[in-house]
PDB file of N, CA and C in Angstrom:
ATOM      1  N   MET A   1     122.108  77.826 116.964  1.00  0.00           N
ATOM      2  CA  MET A   1     121.507  76.941 116.000  1.00  0.00           C
ATOM      3  C   MET A   1     120.635  77.733 115.039  1.00  0.00           C
ATOM      4  N   PHE A   2     120.357  77.113 113.908  1.00  0.00           N
ATOM      5  CA  PHE A   2     119.591  77.770 112.863  1.00  0.00           C
ATOM      6  C   PHE A   2     118.381  76.934 112.468  1.00  0.00           C
ATOM      7  N   LEU A   3     117.388  77.620 111.907  1.00  0.00           N
ATOM      8  CA  LEU A   3     116.169  76.981 111.430  1.00  0.00           C
ATOM      9  C   LEU A   3     116.043  77.235 109.940  1.00  0.00           C
ATOM     10  N   HIS A   4     115.977  76.153 109.150  1.00  0.00           N
ATOM     11  CA  HIS A   4     115.791  76.275 107.702  1.00  0.00           C
ATOM     12  C   HIS A   4     114.309  76.505 107.445  1.00  0.00           C
ATOM     13  N   VAL A   5     113.960  77.627 106.797  1.00  0.00           N
ATOM     14  CA  VAL A   5     112.554  77.984 106.605  1.00  0.00           C
ATOM     15  C   VAL A   5     112.091  77.891 105.156  1.00  0.00           C
ATOM     16  N   GLY A   6     112.968  77.460 104.269  1.00  0.00           N
ATOM     17  CA  GLY A   6     112.595  77.321 102.869  1.00  0.00           C
ATOM     18  C   GLY A   6     113.676  77.847 101.954  1.00  0.00           C
ATOM     19  N   ARG A   7     113.760  77.234 100.778  1.00  0.00           N
ATOM     20  CA  ARG A   7     114.817  77.561  99.813  1.00  0.00           C
ATOM     21  C   ARG A   7     116.167  77.552 100.513  1.00  0.00           C
ATOM     22  N   ASP A   8     116.918  78.624 100.360  1.00  0.00           N
ATOM     23  CA  ASP A   8     118.235  78.718 100.988  1.00  0.00           C
ATOM     24  C   ASP A   8     118.217  79.656 102.189  1.00  0.00           C
ATOM     25  N   VAL A   9     117.074  79.775 102.835  1.00  0.00           N
ATOM     26  CA  VAL A   9     116.929  80.726 103.932  1.00  0.00           C
ATOM     27  C   VAL A   9     116.979  80.002 105.272  1.00  0.00           C
ATOM     28  N   VAL A  10     117.869  80.475 106.128  1.00  0.00           N
ATOM     29  CA  VAL A  10     117.944  79.987 107.502  1.00  0.00           C
ATOM     30  C   VAL A  10     117.919  81.190 108.438  1.00  0.00           C
ATOM     31  N   VAL A  11     117.316  80.999 109.586  1.00  0.00           N
ATOM     32  CA  VAL A  11     117.280  82.067 110.589  1.00  0.00           C
ATOM     33  C   VAL A  11     117.776  81.495 111.909  1.00  0.00           C
ATOM     34  N   PRO A  12     118.401  82.315 112.732  1.00  0.00           N
ATOM     35  CA  PRO A  12     118.815  81.835 114.056  1.00  0.00           C
ATOM     36  C   PRO A  12     117.583  81.446 114.882  1.00  0.00           C
ATOM     37  N   LYS A  13     117.629  80.292 115.511  1.00  0.00           N
ATOM     38  CA  LYS A  13     116.497  79.825 116.323  1.00  0.00           C
ATOM     39  C   LYS A  13     116.157  80.819 117.419  1.00  0.00           C
ATOM     40  N   LYS A  14     117.167  81.482 117.966  1.00  0.00           N
ATOM     41  CA  LYS A  14     116.932  82.416 119.065  1.00  0.00           C
ATOM     42  C   LYS A  14     116.118  83.632 118.630  1.00  0.00           C
ATOM     43  N   ASP A  15     116.070  83.918 117.317  1.00  0.00           N
ATOM     44  CA  ASP A  15     115.325  85.064 116.806  1.00  0.00           C
ATOM     45  C   ASP A  15     113.865  84.748 116.494  1.00  0.00           C
ATOM     46  N   VAL A  16     113.489  83.462 116.506  1.00  0.00           N
ATOM     47  CA  VAL A  16     112.118  83.072 116.164  1.00  0.00           C
ATOM     48  C   VAL A  16     111.184  83.437 117.307  1.00  0.00           C
ATOM     49  N   VAL A  17     110.185  84.258 116.979  1.00  0.00           N
ATOM     50  CA  VAL A  17     109.193  84.686 117.960  1.00  0.00           C
ATOM     51  C   VAL A  17     107.959  83.790 117.883  1.00  0.00           C
ATOM     52  N   ALA A  18     107.551  83.440 116.642  1.00  0.00           N
ATOM     53  CA  ALA A  18     106.369  82.608 116.457  1.00  0.00           C
ATOM     54  C   ALA A  18     106.422  81.910 115.110  1.00  0.00           C
ATOM     55  N   ILE A  19     105.770  80.758 115.045  1.00  0.00           N
ATOM     56  CA  ILE A  19     105.558  80.043 113.790  1.00  0.00           C
ATOM     57  C   ILE A  19     104.053  79.905 113.645  1.00  0.00           C
ATOM     58  N   LEU A  20     103.501  80.526 112.603  1.00  0.00           N
ATOM     59  CA  LEU A  20     102.053  80.564 112.412  1.00  0.00           C
ATOM     60  C   LEU A  20     101.637  79.749 111.196  1.00  0.00           C
ATOM     61  N   ASP A  21     100.597  78.957 111.353  1.00  0.00           N
ATOM     62  CA  ASP A  21     100.017  78.236 110.224  1.00  0.00           C
ATOM     63  C   ASP A  21      99.298  79.245 109.338  1.00  0.00           C
ATOM     64  N   VAL A  22      99.341  79.033 108.040  1.00  0.00           N
ATOM     65  CA  VAL A  22      98.707  79.973 107.111  1.00  0.00           C
ATOM     66  C   VAL A  22      97.201  80.086 107.375  1.00  0.00           C
ATOM     67  N   LYS A  23      96.603  79.061 107.937  1.00  0.00           N
ATOM     68  CA  LYS A  23      95.162  79.084 108.236  1.00  0.00           C
ATOM     69  C   LYS A  23      94.818  80.125 109.298  1.00  0.00           C
ATOM     70  N   THR A  24      95.789  80.508 110.116  1.00  0.00           N
ATOM     71  CA  THR A  24      95.524  81.504 111.149  1.00  0.00           C
ATOM     72  C   THR A  24      95.267  82.885 110.566  1.00  0.00           C
ATOM     73  N   THR A  25      95.610  83.090 109.295  1.00  0.00           N
ATOM     74  CA  THR A  25      95.386  84.395 108.680  1.00  0.00           C
ATOM     75  C   THR A  25      93.912  84.658 108.410  1.00  0.00           C
ATOM     76  N   LYS A  26      93.071  83.678 108.680  1.00  0.00           N
ATOM     77  CA  LYS A  26      91.626  83.891 108.550  1.00  0.00           C
ATOM     78  C   LYS A  26      91.086  84.691 109.733  1.00  0.00           C
ATOM     79  N   ALA A  27      91.788  84.640 110.848  1.00  0.00           N
ATOM     80  CA  ALA A  27      91.382  85.426 112.021  1.00  0.00           C
ATOM     81  C   ALA A  27      91.635  86.901 111.717  1.00  0.00           C
ATOM     82  N   PRO A  28      90.679  87.777 112.013  1.00  0.00           N
ATOM     83  CA  PRO A  28      90.813  89.198 111.660  1.00  0.00           C
ATOM     84  C   PRO A  28      92.083  89.864 112.179  1.00  0.00           C
ATOM     85  N   ILE A  29      92.474  89.590 113.397  1.00  0.00           N
ATOM     86  CA  ILE A  29      93.645  90.264 113.966  1.00  0.00           C
ATOM     87  C   ILE A  29      94.929  89.793 113.284  1.00  0.00           C
ATOM     88  N   THR A  30      95.011  88.497 112.999  1.00  0.00           N
ATOM     89  CA  THR A  30      96.199  87.972 112.317  1.00  0.00           C
ATOM     90  C   THR A  30      96.245  88.461 110.878  1.00  0.00           C
ATOM     91  N   LYS A  31      95.102  88.493 110.236  1.00  0.00           N
ATOM     92  CA  LYS A  31      95.031  88.985 108.864  1.00  0.00           C
ATOM     93  C   LYS A  31      95.509  90.441 108.804  1.00  0.00           C
ATOM     94  N   GLU A  32      95.070  91.251 109.737  1.00  0.00           N
ATOM     95  CA  GLU A  32      95.488  92.649 109.791  1.00  0.00           C
ATOM     96  C   GLU A  32      96.994  92.755 110.037  1.00  0.00           C
ATOM     97  N   PHE A  33      97.518  91.933 110.945  1.00  0.00           N
ATOM     98  CA  PHE A  33      98.957  91.920 111.247  1.00  0.00           C
ATOM     99  C   PHE A  33      99.765  91.619 109.987  1.00  0.00           C
ATOM    100  N   ILE A  34      99.370  90.590 109.236  1.00  0.00           N
ATOM    101  CA  ILE A  34     100.081  90.200 108.009  1.00  0.00           C
ATOM    102  C   ILE A  34      99.963  91.292 106.950  1.00  0.00           C
ATOM    103  N   GLU A  35      98.789  91.899 106.819  1.00  0.00           N
ATOM    104  CA  GLU A  35      98.603  92.973 105.838  1.00  0.00           C
ATOM    105  C   GLU A  35      99.498  94.174 106.151  1.00  0.00           C
ATOM    106  N   ILE A  36      99.552  94.565 107.406  1.00  0.00           N
ATOM    107  CA  ILE A  36     100.396  95.702 107.802  1.00  0.00           C
ATOM    108  C   ILE A  36     101.872  95.362 107.578  1.00  0.00           C
ATOM    109  N   ALA A  37     102.270  94.161 107.961  1.00  0.00           N
ATOM    110  CA  ALA A  37     103.667  93.738 107.771  1.00  0.00           C
ATOM    111  C   ALA A  37     104.029  93.720 106.286  1.00  0.00           C
ATOM    112  N   THR A  38     103.094  93.307 105.437  1.00  0.00           N
ATOM    113  CA  THR A  38     103.335  93.295 103.996  1.00  0.00           C
ATOM    114  C   THR A  38     103.485  94.718 103.479  1.00  0.00           C
ATOM    115  N   ASP A  39     102.568  95.604 103.885  1.00  0.00           N
ATOM    116  CA  ASP A  39     102.621  96.997 103.451  1.00  0.00           C
ATOM    117  C   ASP A  39     103.913  97.691 103.873  1.00  0.00           C
ATOM    118  N   GLU A  40     104.426  97.331 105.034  1.00  0.00           N
ATOM    119  CA  GLU A  40     105.631  97.980 105.555  1.00  0.00           C
ATOM    120  C   GLU A  40     106.924  97.274 105.133  1.00  0.00           C
ATOM    121  N   GLY A  41     106.805  96.191 104.352  1.00  0.00           N
ATOM    122  CA  GLY A  41     107.983  95.532 103.797  1.00  0.00           C
ATOM    123  C   GLY A  41     108.694  94.554 104.713  1.00  0.00           C
ATOM    124  N   PHE A  42     108.001  94.043 105.723  1.00  0.00           N
ATOM    125  CA  PHE A  42     108.622  93.096 106.643  1.00  0.00           C
ATOM    126  C   PHE A  42     108.540  91.648 106.162  1.00  0.00           C
ATOM    127  N   ILE A  43     107.672  91.370 105.191  1.00  0.00           N
ATOM    128  CA  ILE A  43     107.464  90.010 104.700  1.00  0.00           C
ATOM    129  C   ILE A  43     108.542  89.638 103.694  1.00  0.00           C
ATOM    130  N   LYS A  44     109.177  88.481 103.919  1.00  0.00           N
ATOM    131  CA  LYS A  44     110.183  87.940 103.006  1.00  0.00           C
ATOM    132  C   LYS A  44     109.657  86.614 102.468  1.00  0.00           C
ATOM    133  N   LYS A  45     109.711  86.437 101.160  1.00  0.00           N
ATOM    134  CA  LYS A  45     109.204  85.212 100.534  1.00  0.00           C
ATOM    135  C   LYS A  45     110.306  84.167 100.425  1.00  0.00           C
ATOM    136  N   THR A  46     109.973  82.934 100.788  1.00  0.00           N
ATOM    137  CA  THR A  46     110.901  81.818 100.647  1.00  0.00           C
ATOM    138  C   THR A  46     110.193  80.678  99.923  1.00  0.00           C
ATOM    139  N   HIS A  47     109.378  81.020  98.924  1.00  0.00           N
ATOM    140  CA  HIS A  47     108.562  80.017  98.254  1.00  0.00           C
ATOM    141  C   HIS A  47     108.353  80.406  96.804  1.00  0.00           C
ATOM    142  N   HIS A  48     107.736  79.516  96.065  1.00  0.00           N
ATOM    143  CA  HIS A  48     107.353  79.781  94.688  1.00  0.00           C
ATOM    144  C   HIS A  48     105.839  79.964  94.642  1.00  0.00           C
ATOM    145  N   LYS A  49     105.402  81.041  94.061  1.00  0.00           N
ATOM    146  CA  LYS A  49     103.990  81.345  93.842  1.00  0.00           C
ATOM    147  C   LYS A  49     103.168  81.285  95.118  1.00  0.00           C
ATOM    148  N   ASN A  50     102.047  80.562  95.093  1.00  0.00           N
ATOM    149  CA  ASN A  50     101.095  80.574  96.214  1.00  0.00           C
ATOM    150  C   ASN A  50     101.182  79.325  97.089  1.00  0.00           C
ATOM    151  N   LYS A  51     102.370  78.877  97.391  1.00  0.00           N
ATOM    152  CA  LYS A  51     102.522  77.665  98.188  1.00  0.00           C
ATOM    153  C   LYS A  51     102.887  77.987  99.631  1.00  0.00           C
ATOM    154  N   ILE A  52     102.294  79.012 100.170  1.00  0.00           N
ATOM    155  CA  ILE A  52     102.577  79.402 101.550  1.00  0.00           C
ATOM    156  C   ILE A  52     101.851  78.451 102.499  1.00  0.00           C
ATOM    157  N   LYS A  53     102.597  77.868 103.427  1.00  0.00           N
ATOM    158  CA  LYS A  53     101.992  77.001 104.435  1.00  0.00           C
ATOM    159  C   LYS A  53     102.144  77.569 105.834  1.00  0.00           C
ATOM    160  N   SER A  54     103.128  78.471 106.005  1.00  0.00           N
ATOM    161  CA  SER A  54     103.340  79.026 107.337  1.00  0.00           C
ATOM    162  C   SER A  54     104.072  80.365 107.270  1.00  0.00           C
ATOM    163  N   TYR A  55     104.027  81.060 108.389  1.00  0.00           N
ATOM    164  CA  TYR A  55     104.754  82.311 108.563  1.00  0.00           C
ATOM    165  C   TYR A  55     105.693  82.126 109.752  1.00  0.00           C
ATOM    166  N   ILE A  56     106.923  82.567 109.586  1.00  0.00           N
ATOM    167  CA  ILE A  56     107.893  82.528 110.669  1.00  0.00           C
ATOM    168  C   ILE A  56     108.152  83.971 111.083  1.00  0.00           C
ATOM    169  N   VAL A  57     107.755  84.317 112.273  1.00  0.00           N
ATOM    170  CA  VAL A  57     107.908  85.678 112.770  1.00  0.00           C
ATOM    171  C   VAL A  57     109.208  85.749 113.567  1.00  0.00           C
ATOM    172  N   THR A  58     110.093  86.670 113.161  1.00  0.00           N
ATOM    173  CA  THR A  58     111.335  86.898 113.902  1.00  0.00           C
ATOM    174  C   THR A  58     111.303  88.327 114.426  1.00  0.00           C
ATOM    175  N   GLU A  59     112.358  88.721 115.094  1.00  0.00           N
ATOM    176  CA  GLU A  59     112.406  90.059 115.670  1.00  0.00           C
ATOM    177  C   GLU A  59     112.333  91.156 114.617  1.00  0.00           C
ATOM    178  N   TYR A  60     112.883  90.896 113.436  1.00  0.00           N
ATOM    179  CA  TYR A  60     112.999  91.958 112.429  1.00  0.00           C
ATOM    180  C   TYR A  60     112.290  91.678 111.116  1.00  0.00           C
ATOM    181  N   GLU A  61     111.906  90.430 110.862  1.00  0.00           N
ATOM    182  CA  GLU A  61     111.287  90.060 109.590  1.00  0.00           C
ATOM    183  C   GLU A  61     110.243  88.976 109.808  1.00  0.00           C
ATOM    184  N   ILE A  62     109.407  88.809 108.790  1.00  0.00           N
ATOM    185  CA  ILE A  62     108.443  87.718 108.774  1.00  0.00           C
ATOM    186  C   ILE A  62     108.667  86.972 107.465  1.00  0.00           C
ATOM    187  N   PHE A  63     108.869  85.667 107.573  1.00  0.00           N
ATOM    188  CA  PHE A  63     109.139  84.853 106.401  1.00  0.00           C
ATOM    189  C   PHE A  63     107.913  84.031 106.038  1.00  0.00           C
ATOM    190  N   GLN A  64     107.564  84.031 104.747  1.00  0.00           N
ATOM    191  CA  GLN A  64     106.530  83.136 104.241  1.00  0.00           C
ATOM    192  C   GLN A  64     107.254  81.852 103.853  1.00  0.00           C
ATOM    193  N   SER A  65     106.726  80.722 104.271  1.00  0.00           N
ATOM    194  CA  SER A  65     107.414  79.463 104.030  1.00  0.00           C
ATOM    195  C   SER A  65     106.498  78.417 103.404  1.00  0.00           C
ATOM    196  N   PRO A  66     107.054  77.593 102.498  1.00  0.00           N
ATOM    197  CA  PRO A  66     106.290  76.487 101.926  1.00  0.00           C
ATOM    198  C   PRO A  66     106.323  75.253 102.824  1.00  0.00           C
ATOM    199  N   ILE A  67     106.941  75.369 103.990  1.00  0.00           N
ATOM    200  CA  ILE A  67     107.075  74.253 104.921  1.00  0.00           C
ATOM    201  C   ILE A  67     106.001  74.377 106.001  1.00  0.00           C
ATOM    202  N   SER A  68     105.364  73.259 106.326  1.00  0.00           N
ATOM    203  CA  SER A  68     104.280  73.301 107.317  1.00  0.00           C
ATOM    204  C   SER A  68     104.808  73.703 108.688  1.00  0.00           C
ATOM    205  N   CYS A  69     103.929  74.264 109.487  1.00  0.00           N
ATOM    206  CA  CYS A  69     104.333  74.705 110.826  1.00  0.00           C
ATOM    207  C   CYS A  69     104.707  73.517 111.707  1.00  0.00           C
ATOM    208  N   ILE A  70     104.111  72.357 111.471  1.00  0.00           N
ATOM    209  CA  ILE A  70     104.454  71.160 112.251  1.00  0.00           C
ATOM    210  C   ILE A  70     105.900  70.749 111.975  1.00  0.00           C
ATOM    211  N   THR A  71     106.292  70.740 110.706  1.00  0.00           N
ATOM    212  CA  THR A  71     107.665  70.400 110.332  1.00  0.00           C
ATOM    213  C   THR A  71     108.640  71.432 110.887  1.00  0.00           C
ATOM    214  N   LEU A  72     108.294  72.708 110.783  1.00  0.00           N
ATOM    215  CA  LEU A  72     109.159  73.762 111.312  1.00  0.00           C
ATOM    216  C   LEU A  72     109.319  73.636 112.821  1.00  0.00           C
ATOM    217  N   LYS A  73     108.243  73.303 113.514  1.00  0.00           N
ATOM    218  CA  LYS A  73     108.304  73.131 114.965  1.00  0.00           C
ATOM    219  C   LYS A  73     109.248  71.989 115.320  1.00  0.00           C
ATOM    220  N   LYS A  74     109.174  70.880 114.589  1.00  0.00           N
ATOM    221  CA  LYS A  74     110.068  69.750 114.847  1.00  0.00           C
ATOM    222  C   LYS A  74     111.517  70.163 114.599  1.00  0.00           C
ATOM    223  N   ARG A  75     111.742  70.908 113.527  1.00  0.00           N
ATOM    224  CA  ARG A  75     113.096  71.382 113.228  1.00  0.00           C
ATOM    225  C   ARG A  75     113.595  72.315 114.321  1.00  0.00           C
ATOM    226  N   GLU A  76     112.708  73.173 114.809  1.00  0.00           N
ATOM    227  CA  GLU A  76     113.085  74.134 115.835  1.00  0.00           C
ATOM    228  C   GLU A  76     113.439  73.423 117.144  1.00  0.00           C
ATOM    229  N   GLU A  77     112.757  72.339 117.427  1.00  0.00           N
ATOM    230  CA  GLU A  77     112.985  71.609 118.663  1.00  0.00           C
ATOM    231  C   GLU A  77     114.205  70.707 118.601  1.00  0.00           C
ATOM    232  N   SER A  78     114.654  70.364 117.387  1.00  0.00           N
ATOM    233  CA  SER A  78     115.797  69.454 117.269  1.00  0.00           C
ATOM    234  C   SER A  78     117.069  70.153 117.739  1.00  0.00           C
ATOM    235  N   LYS A  79     117.988  69.379 118.236  1.00  0.00           N
ATOM    236  CA  LYS A  79     119.237  69.929 118.748  1.00  0.00           C
ATOM    237  C   LYS A  79     120.307  69.988 117.671  1.00  0.00           C
ATOM    238  N   ILE A  80     119.992  69.485 116.490  1.00  0.00           N
ATOM    239  CA  ILE A  80     120.966  69.480 115.394  1.00  0.00           C
ATOM    240  C   ILE A  80     120.910  70.784 114.642  1.00  0.00           C
TER     241      ILE A  80
END
């Protein structure tokens, strides 16, 4: 199964490690994690401008998404 994370981007559900709310980036450790991932080119944008609501962490990439983590969680849990 796949998870739609924004625009035309889908990722295999089995590859999703974590779904983080954008508010978690206020925590120093999470902020550092996102900064390092950005510097090393792991962040993929699936949004327009500054409408980031969540981060989807997979084994190989991190996606910025305009979709809330609650909606993504519901999508991830669905069997469709």
